[in-house]
């Protein structure tokens, strides 16, 4: 399972996910400072669970569906 860590969370989460055998990437390293729409599309296209504190992503997933959000 792959996780995409949103910019509103600490980069240190990557190491926690990797410690338990998961692939994890920071959105700032992968996409830079892009709008939420691009983050949403990238996560879904690449079958990644988006890890975020941004409640707006929850709304997107409820309306449009997607691979996953945490």
N, C-alpha and C. Protein backbone atom coordinates (compact mmCIF):
# COMPACT_ATOMS: atom_id res chain seq x y z
N UNK A 1 0.85 -1.16 0.00
CA UNK A 1 0.00 0.00 0.00
C UNK A 1 0.90 1.23 0.00
N UNK A 2 0.49 2.25 -0.76
CA UNK A 2 1.27 3.49 -0.86
C UNK A 2 0.48 4.64 -0.23
N UNK A 3 1.21 5.53 0.44
CA UNK A 3 0.61 6.68 1.10
C UNK A 3 1.26 7.96 0.59
N UNK A 4 0.42 8.98 0.41
CA UNK A 4 0.88 10.30 0.04
C UNK A 4 0.60 11.22 1.23
N UNK A 5 1.64 11.75 1.83
CA UNK A 5 1.52 12.61 3.01
C UNK A 5 1.32 14.05 2.53
N UNK A 6 0.22 14.66 2.94
CA UNK A 6 -0.10 16.03 2.52
C UNK A 6 0.83 17.03 3.20
N UNK A 7 0.89 18.22 2.61
CA UNK A 7 1.79 19.27 3.08
C UNK A 7 1.43 19.80 4.46
N UNK A 8 0.23 19.52 4.95
CA UNK A 8 -0.16 20.02 6.27
C UNK A 8 0.29 19.10 7.41
N UNK A 9 1.05 18.07 7.08
CA UNK A 9 1.53 17.13 8.08
C UNK A 9 3.06 17.11 8.09
N UNK A 10 3.67 16.71 9.19
CA UNK A 10 5.14 16.70 9.26
C UNK A 10 5.76 15.63 8.36
N UNK A 11 6.88 15.97 7.79
CA UNK A 11 7.60 15.04 6.91
C UNK A 11 8.00 13.76 7.66
N UNK A 12 8.13 13.83 8.95
CA UNK A 12 8.56 12.68 9.75
C UNK A 12 7.57 11.51 9.66
N UNK A 13 6.36 11.76 9.24
CA UNK A 13 5.39 10.67 9.07
C UNK A 13 5.85 9.66 8.02
N UNK A 14 6.61 10.12 7.06
CA UNK A 14 7.10 9.21 6.02
C UNK A 14 7.88 8.07 6.66
N UNK A 15 8.76 8.39 7.56
CA UNK A 15 9.59 7.36 8.20
C UNK A 15 8.75 6.40 9.05
N UNK A 16 7.71 6.90 9.66
CA UNK A 16 6.84 6.03 10.46
C UNK A 16 6.15 5.01 9.56
N UNK A 17 5.61 5.45 8.44
CA UNK A 17 4.97 4.53 7.51
C UNK A 17 5.97 3.53 6.95
N UNK A 18 7.15 4.01 6.58
CA UNK A 18 8.18 3.14 6.01
C UNK A 18 8.68 2.12 7.03
N UNK A 19 8.74 2.52 8.28
CA UNK A 19 9.17 1.61 9.35
C UNK A 19 8.30 0.36 9.39
N UNK A 20 7.03 0.51 9.06
CA UNK A 20 6.09 -0.61 9.07
C UNK A 20 5.90 -1.25 7.70
N UNK A 21 6.80 -0.93 6.77
CA UNK A 21 6.82 -1.61 5.49
C UNK A 21 5.98 -1.01 4.38
N UNK A 22 5.47 0.19 4.58
CA UNK A 22 4.65 0.84 3.56
C UNK A 22 5.48 1.83 2.75
N UNK A 23 5.05 2.06 1.53
CA UNK A 23 5.66 3.11 0.71
C UNK A 23 4.98 4.42 1.10
N UNK A 24 5.77 5.45 1.33
CA UNK A 24 5.21 6.75 1.71
C UNK A 24 6.01 7.86 1.05
N UNK A 25 5.29 8.87 0.61
CA UNK A 25 5.90 9.99 -0.10
C UNK A 25 5.28 11.29 0.40
N UNK A 26 6.08 12.33 0.44
CA UNK A 26 5.60 13.65 0.84
C UNK A 26 5.18 14.41 -0.40
N UNK A 27 4.01 14.99 -0.37
CA UNK A 27 3.47 15.70 -1.53
C UNK A 27 4.40 16.85 -1.94
N UNK A 28 5.10 17.45 -0.98
CA UNK A 28 6.02 18.56 -1.29
C UNK A 28 7.19 18.09 -2.12
N UNK A 29 7.62 16.84 -1.92
CA UNK A 29 8.74 16.29 -2.69
C UNK A 29 8.28 15.82 -4.06
N UNK A 30 7.08 15.30 -4.14
CA UNK A 30 6.57 14.72 -5.38
C UNK A 30 5.98 15.78 -6.31
N UNK A 31 5.18 16.68 -5.75
CA UNK A 31 4.44 17.64 -6.58
C UNK A 31 4.79 19.10 -6.33
N UNK A 32 5.47 19.38 -5.25
CA UNK A 32 5.72 20.78 -4.90
C UNK A 32 4.47 21.40 -4.31
N UNK A 33 4.32 22.68 -4.50
CA UNK A 33 3.16 23.40 -3.94
C UNK A 33 2.04 23.54 -4.95
N UNK A 34 1.32 22.46 -5.18
CA UNK A 34 0.24 22.47 -6.16
C UNK A 34 -1.12 22.58 -5.45
N UNK A 35 -2.16 22.96 -6.17
CA UNK A 35 -3.50 23.03 -5.58
C UNK A 35 -4.02 21.65 -5.16
N UNK A 36 -4.97 21.64 -4.24
CA UNK A 36 -5.56 20.41 -3.73
C UNK A 36 -6.08 19.51 -4.84
N UNK A 37 -6.65 20.07 -5.86
CA UNK A 37 -7.21 19.30 -6.97
C UNK A 37 -6.13 18.41 -7.61
N UNK A 38 -4.93 18.96 -7.77
CA UNK A 38 -3.84 18.19 -8.37
C UNK A 38 -3.35 17.09 -7.42
N UNK A 39 -3.34 17.38 -6.13
CA UNK A 39 -2.96 16.37 -5.13
C UNK A 39 -3.96 15.22 -5.17
N UNK A 40 -5.24 15.55 -5.18
CA UNK A 40 -6.32 14.56 -5.25
C UNK A 40 -6.17 13.67 -6.48
N UNK A 41 -5.96 14.30 -7.64
CA UNK A 41 -5.84 13.56 -8.90
C UNK A 41 -4.60 12.66 -8.90
N UNK A 42 -3.49 13.17 -8.40
CA UNK A 42 -2.25 12.39 -8.37
C UNK A 42 -2.40 11.16 -7.47
N UNK A 43 -2.96 11.35 -6.29
CA UNK A 43 -3.14 10.23 -5.35
C UNK A 43 -4.01 9.15 -5.97
N UNK A 44 -5.10 9.53 -6.60
CA UNK A 44 -6.00 8.54 -7.21
C UNK A 44 -5.36 7.85 -8.41
N UNK A 45 -4.70 8.61 -9.24
CA UNK A 45 -4.05 8.05 -10.44
C UNK A 45 -2.99 7.01 -10.06
N UNK A 46 -2.34 7.23 -8.93
CA UNK A 46 -1.24 6.37 -8.51
C UNK A 46 -1.62 5.40 -7.39
N UNK A 47 -2.93 5.24 -7.15
CA UNK A 47 -3.43 4.31 -6.13
C UNK A 47 -2.78 4.52 -4.77
N UNK A 48 -2.81 5.77 -4.33
CA UNK A 48 -2.22 6.14 -3.06
C UNK A 48 -3.31 6.60 -2.10
N UNK A 49 -3.16 6.25 -0.84
CA UNK A 49 -4.03 6.77 0.20
C UNK A 49 -3.46 8.12 0.61
N UNK A 50 -4.28 9.15 0.56
CA UNK A 50 -3.85 10.49 0.95
C UNK A 50 -4.02 10.64 2.46
N UNK A 51 -2.94 11.01 3.13
CA UNK A 51 -2.96 11.24 4.58
C UNK A 51 -2.91 12.75 4.77
N UNK A 52 -3.95 13.31 5.41
CA UNK A 52 -4.09 14.76 5.50
C UNK A 52 -4.90 15.18 6.71
N UNK A 53 -4.76 16.45 7.08
CA UNK A 53 -5.64 17.06 8.07
C UNK A 53 -6.64 18.00 7.40
N UNK A 54 -6.55 18.13 6.10
CA UNK A 54 -7.41 19.04 5.33
C UNK A 54 -8.76 18.37 5.10
N UNK A 55 -9.78 18.84 5.79
CA UNK A 55 -11.10 18.24 5.70
C UNK A 55 -11.73 18.37 4.31
N UNK A 56 -11.24 19.29 3.52
CA UNK A 56 -11.75 19.46 2.16
C UNK A 56 -11.54 18.22 1.31
N UNK A 57 -10.49 17.49 1.58
CA UNK A 57 -10.25 16.25 0.82
C UNK A 57 -11.31 15.21 1.14
N UNK A 58 -11.76 15.19 2.37
CA UNK A 58 -12.84 14.26 2.74
C UNK A 58 -14.08 14.53 1.92
N UNK A 59 -14.39 15.81 1.74
CA UNK A 59 -15.55 16.19 0.92
C UNK A 59 -15.36 15.73 -0.53
N UNK A 60 -14.15 15.91 -1.06
CA UNK A 60 -13.88 15.48 -2.44
C UNK A 60 -14.12 13.98 -2.59
N UNK A 61 -13.60 13.21 -1.64
CA UNK A 61 -13.72 11.75 -1.73
C UNK A 61 -15.17 11.30 -1.55
N UNK A 62 -15.91 11.98 -0.72
CA UNK A 62 -17.32 11.61 -0.53
C UNK A 62 -18.13 11.84 -1.80
N UNK A 63 -17.84 12.91 -2.51
CA UNK A 63 -18.59 13.25 -3.72
C UNK A 63 -18.09 12.47 -4.93
N UNK A 64 -16.77 12.40 -5.11
CA UNK A 64 -16.18 11.84 -6.35
C UNK A 64 -15.67 10.41 -6.19
N UNK A 65 -15.50 9.98 -4.97
CA UNK A 65 -14.85 8.69 -4.77
C UNK A 65 -13.35 8.85 -4.89
N UNK A 66 -12.65 7.77 -4.80
CA UNK A 66 -11.20 7.83 -4.91
C UNK A 66 -10.57 6.62 -4.29
N UNK A 67 -9.25 6.58 -4.31
CA UNK A 67 -8.54 5.42 -3.79
C UNK A 67 -8.60 5.36 -2.28
N UNK A 68 -8.44 6.50 -1.61
CA UNK A 68 -8.53 6.50 -0.16
C UNK A 68 -8.01 7.78 0.47
N UNK A 69 -8.53 8.09 1.62
CA UNK A 69 -8.08 9.26 2.37
C UNK A 69 -8.11 8.91 3.84
N UNK A 70 -7.10 9.41 4.55
CA UNK A 70 -6.99 9.15 5.98
C UNK A 70 -6.74 10.46 6.67
